[in-house]
Amino acid sequence: MISIYHQKLDEMWYAAAVEDDKVFATNFGSNESKVVKQLLESLPYNVPFQMAEKPIQFSENLLATLNSVFMGKDISKNFKLEMAHLPNYSRKVLGLLIKVPVGYVTTYGALAKATRGGPRAVGRVMATNPFAPLIPCHRVVRSDFTLGGYGGGLDIKQKFLERENRGYQEPSNINVDGAVLAVYPVGFLWKD
């Protein structure tokens, strides 16, 4: 059975839905009830769950990792993300997006090109990302390097990216399973 854990760390609430060593969903935000509600909406349909009374070591590590991501730290993503219930295209987009490193962004169009879809389809996947912030939908921006949308609010997206700026100067490409995804330094967002 899936267990739901949530905790306030620093300035944010973090929530995770886990079963054994598998992660079914994560979420974060400043409002506890909204974070838990959105997490529950990300779970596979008709799967039993319970609100956990006490944290376990796995959930504590996962929630601390979510906080580290929010704080702009470069973390190892050693969690098994359960995506079998997601549509194929969503799995493809999220599987590629998780490869975008701290200090870089990509665009809706670049993700669409790499996954052979459309920018709006990518936008829909970002809007329903069940693994925020582990799968960094905050690192997807418009092709003109403006922020675009973000479910947590553009001020949160801006903070994320400011914390993740590493001063990189050159664009790069990520090659995964024959797909090539263009990535750009976060600093491109603030170039004149």
Protein backbone atom coordinates (compact mmCIF):
# COMPACT_ATOMS: atom_id res chain seq x y z
CA MET A 1 0.00 0.00 0.00
CA ILE A 2 1.20 3.50 -0.83
CA SER A 3 2.08 5.61 2.20
CA ILE A 4 1.87 9.39 2.19
CA TYR A 5 4.48 11.38 4.10
CA HIS A 6 4.67 15.13 4.44
CA GLN A 7 6.77 17.54 6.44
CA LYS A 8 7.69 21.19 6.64
CA LEU A 9 11.40 21.84 6.09
CA ASP A 10 12.73 25.38 6.14
CA GLU A 11 10.10 27.47 4.35
CA MET A 12 8.24 24.78 2.40
CA TRP A 13 6.03 21.74 2.80
CA TYR A 14 7.21 18.58 1.05
CA ALA A 15 5.16 15.44 0.42
CA ALA A 16 5.90 12.02 -0.98
CA ALA A 17 3.88 8.93 -1.86
CA VAL A 18 5.98 5.79 -1.51
CA GLU A 19 5.66 2.05 -1.39
CA ASP A 20 8.68 0.06 -0.29
CA ASP A 21 11.54 1.71 -2.24
CA LYS A 22 9.36 3.10 -5.05
CA VAL A 23 8.28 6.73 -5.35
CA PHE A 24 4.82 7.25 -6.84
CA ALA A 25 4.66 11.03 -6.48
CA THR A 26 6.31 14.00 -4.81
CA ASN A 27 5.21 17.58 -4.34
CA PHE A 28 6.09 20.76 -2.52
CA GLY A 29 4.70 24.20 -1.77
CA SER A 30 3.98 26.71 0.94
CA ASN A 31 0.47 25.44 1.76
CA GLU A 32 0.28 22.06 3.53
CA SER A 33 -3.23 21.06 2.46
CA LYS A 34 -2.65 22.10 -1.17
CA VAL A 35 0.62 20.12 -1.32
CA VAL A 36 -1.06 16.96 0.01
CA LYS A 37 -4.14 17.42 -2.23
CA GLN A 38 -2.01 17.80 -5.37
CA LEU A 39 0.11 14.81 -4.38
CA LEU A 40 -2.99 12.66 -4.01
CA GLU A 41 -4.22 13.81 -7.43
CA SER A 42 -0.95 12.53 -8.93
CA LEU A 43 -1.42 8.98 -7.67
CA PRO A 44 -2.51 6.19 -10.00
CA TYR A 45 -6.30 5.90 -10.15
CA ASN A 46 -7.97 3.57 -7.66
CA VAL A 47 -4.79 2.58 -5.80
CA PRO A 48 -5.10 2.29 -2.02
CA PHE A 49 -3.07 4.65 0.12
CA GLN A 50 -2.69 5.63 3.73
CA MET A 51 -1.49 8.72 5.53
CA ALA A 52 1.63 7.66 7.42
CA GLU A 53 1.74 8.50 11.09
CA LYS A 54 5.50 8.18 11.53
CA PRO A 55 8.24 8.78 8.98
CA ILE A 56 10.59 6.00 7.95
CA GLN A 57 14.23 6.50 6.99
CA PHE A 58 13.42 6.26 3.27
CA SER A 59 10.74 8.96 3.47
CA GLU A 60 12.95 11.21 5.61
CA ASN A 61 15.76 10.91 3.02
CA LEU A 62 13.36 11.59 0.17
CA LEU A 63 11.80 14.67 1.82
CA ALA A 64 15.27 16.00 2.70
CA THR A 65 16.30 15.49 -0.94
CA LEU A 66 13.26 17.47 -2.13
CA ASN A 67 14.31 20.30 0.17
CA SER A 68 17.89 20.11 -1.17
CA VAL A 69 16.61 20.40 -4.73
CA PHE A 70 14.53 23.42 -3.75
CA MET A 71 17.60 24.99 -2.16
CA GLY A 72 19.50 24.65 -5.45
CA LYS A 73 21.82 21.83 -4.44
CA ASP A 74 23.08 19.29 -6.93
CA ILE A 75 21.81 15.95 -5.67
CA SER A 76 22.06 12.35 -6.74
CA LYS A 77 18.74 11.01 -8.01
CA ASN A 78 18.89 7.43 -6.76
CA PHE A 79 15.16 7.00 -6.28
CA LYS A 80 13.03 4.50 -8.19
CA LEU A 81 10.28 6.61 -9.75
CA GLU A 82 7.18 4.57 -10.50
CA MET A 83 5.94 5.74 -13.90
CA ALA A 84 4.15 2.66 -15.26
CA HIS A 85 0.73 4.33 -14.80
CA LEU A 86 1.74 7.39 -16.86
CA PRO A 87 1.12 7.75 -20.61
CA ASN A 88 4.06 6.74 -22.82
CA TYR A 89 4.72 10.30 -23.97
CA SER A 90 4.81 11.59 -20.39
CA ARG A 91 7.32 8.89 -19.43
CA LYS A 92 9.46 9.83 -22.43
CA VAL A 93 9.45 13.57 -21.63
CA LEU A 94 10.02 13.10 -17.89
CA GLY A 95 12.74 10.52 -18.53
CA LEU A 96 14.64 13.02 -20.66
CA LEU A 97 13.96 16.03 -18.43
CA ILE A 98 15.46 14.33 -15.38
CA LYS A 99 18.80 14.40 -17.24
CA VAL A 100 18.91 18.24 -17.35
CA PRO A 101 21.61 19.11 -14.80
CA VAL A 102 21.62 21.85 -12.19
CA GLY A 103 22.78 25.11 -13.76
CA TYR A 104 21.02 24.49 -17.07
CA VAL A 105 17.56 24.91 -18.55
CA THR A 106 15.94 23.56 -21.66
CA THR A 107 12.97 24.82 -23.64
CA TYR A 108 9.53 23.42 -24.33
CA GLY A 109 10.49 23.35 -28.02
CA ALA A 110 13.80 21.55 -27.41
CA LEU A 111 12.04 18.89 -25.33
CA ALA A 112 9.36 18.57 -28.00
CA LYS A 113 11.96 18.11 -30.73
CA ALA A 114 13.90 15.53 -28.71
CA THR A 115 10.73 13.56 -27.92
CA ARG A 116 9.09 14.02 -31.33
CA GLY A 117 6.10 15.87 -29.90
CA GLY A 118 4.84 19.42 -29.72
CA PRO A 119 5.65 22.21 -27.27
CA ARG A 120 2.08 22.28 -25.95
CA ALA A 121 2.19 18.53 -25.30
CA VAL A 122 5.40 19.09 -23.34
CA GLY A 123 3.66 21.90 -21.44
CA ARG A 124 0.84 19.52 -20.47
CA VAL A 125 3.38 16.99 -19.19
CA MET A 126 5.09 19.74 -17.16
CA ALA A 127 1.74 20.84 -15.70
CA THR A 128 1.03 17.29 -14.50
CA ASN A 129 4.57 16.29 -13.46
CA PRO A 130 3.97 13.93 -10.52
CA PHE A 131 7.60 14.16 -9.36
CA ALA A 132 8.23 17.86 -8.77
CA PRO A 133 10.88 18.91 -7.93
CA LEU A 134 12.81 15.60 -8.40
CA ILE A 135 12.04 15.79 -12.10
CA PRO A 136 12.90 19.45 -12.61
CA CYS A 137 10.00 20.94 -14.57
CA HIS A 138 11.20 24.31 -13.25
CA ARG A 139 14.15 23.94 -15.68
CA VAL A 140 11.87 24.20 -18.73
CA VAL A 141 11.47 27.70 -20.16
CA ARG A 142 10.20 29.34 -23.33
CA SER A 143 12.43 29.45 -26.40
CA ASP A 144 12.95 33.21 -25.87
CA PHE A 145 14.35 32.38 -22.39
CA THR A 146 11.45 33.86 -20.50
CA LEU A 147 10.17 31.72 -17.63
CA GLY A 148 6.93 30.48 -19.17
CA GLY A 149 4.49 28.89 -16.74
CA TYR A 150 4.90 27.12 -13.44
CA GLY A 151 2.29 25.55 -11.18
CA GLY A 152 4.09 26.70 -8.04
CA GLY A 153 4.15 30.30 -9.27
CA LEU A 154 6.70 32.19 -11.34
CA ASP A 155 8.30 33.67 -8.22
CA ILE A 156 9.13 30.13 -7.01
CA LYS A 157 10.45 29.17 -10.47
CA GLN A 158 12.63 32.28 -10.48
CA LYS A 159 14.01 31.44 -7.00
CA PHE A 160 14.73 27.88 -8.06
CA LEU A 161 16.70 28.99 -11.09
CA GLU A 162 18.57 31.75 -9.27
CA ARG A 163 19.73 29.19 -6.69
CA GLU A 164 20.74 26.77 -9.43
CA ASN A 165 22.76 29.28 -11.47
CA ARG A 166 26.33 27.98 -11.59
CA GLY A 167 27.70 30.63 -13.93
CA TYR A 168 27.99 28.30 -16.92
CA GLN A 169 28.49 30.10 -20.21
CA GLU A 170 28.07 27.58 -23.04
CA PRO A 171 25.02 25.65 -24.25
CA SER A 172 25.34 21.89 -24.45
CA ASN A 173 23.51 18.81 -25.67
CA ILE A 174 22.34 15.77 -23.76
CA ASN A 175 22.20 12.52 -25.71
CA VAL A 176 19.84 9.85 -24.38
CA ASP A 177 18.71 6.82 -26.36
CA GLY A 178 19.26 8.55 -29.70
CA ALA A 179 17.50 11.75 -28.62
CA VAL A 180 19.45 15.00 -28.47
CA LEU A 181 18.24 17.63 -26.02
CA ALA A 182 19.68 21.14 -26.16
CA VAL A 183 20.36 22.69 -22.75
CA TYR A 184 21.36 26.26 -21.94
CA PRO A 185 23.03 27.90 -18.95
CA VAL A 186 20.54 29.34 -16.47
CA GLY A 187 22.26 32.70 -16.96
CA PHE A 188 20.72 32.91 -20.45
CA LEU A 189 17.49 33.88 -18.69
CA TRP A 190 19.01 37.16 -17.55
CA LYS A 191 21.02 38.15 -20.60
CA ASP A 192 20.03 41.47 -22.17
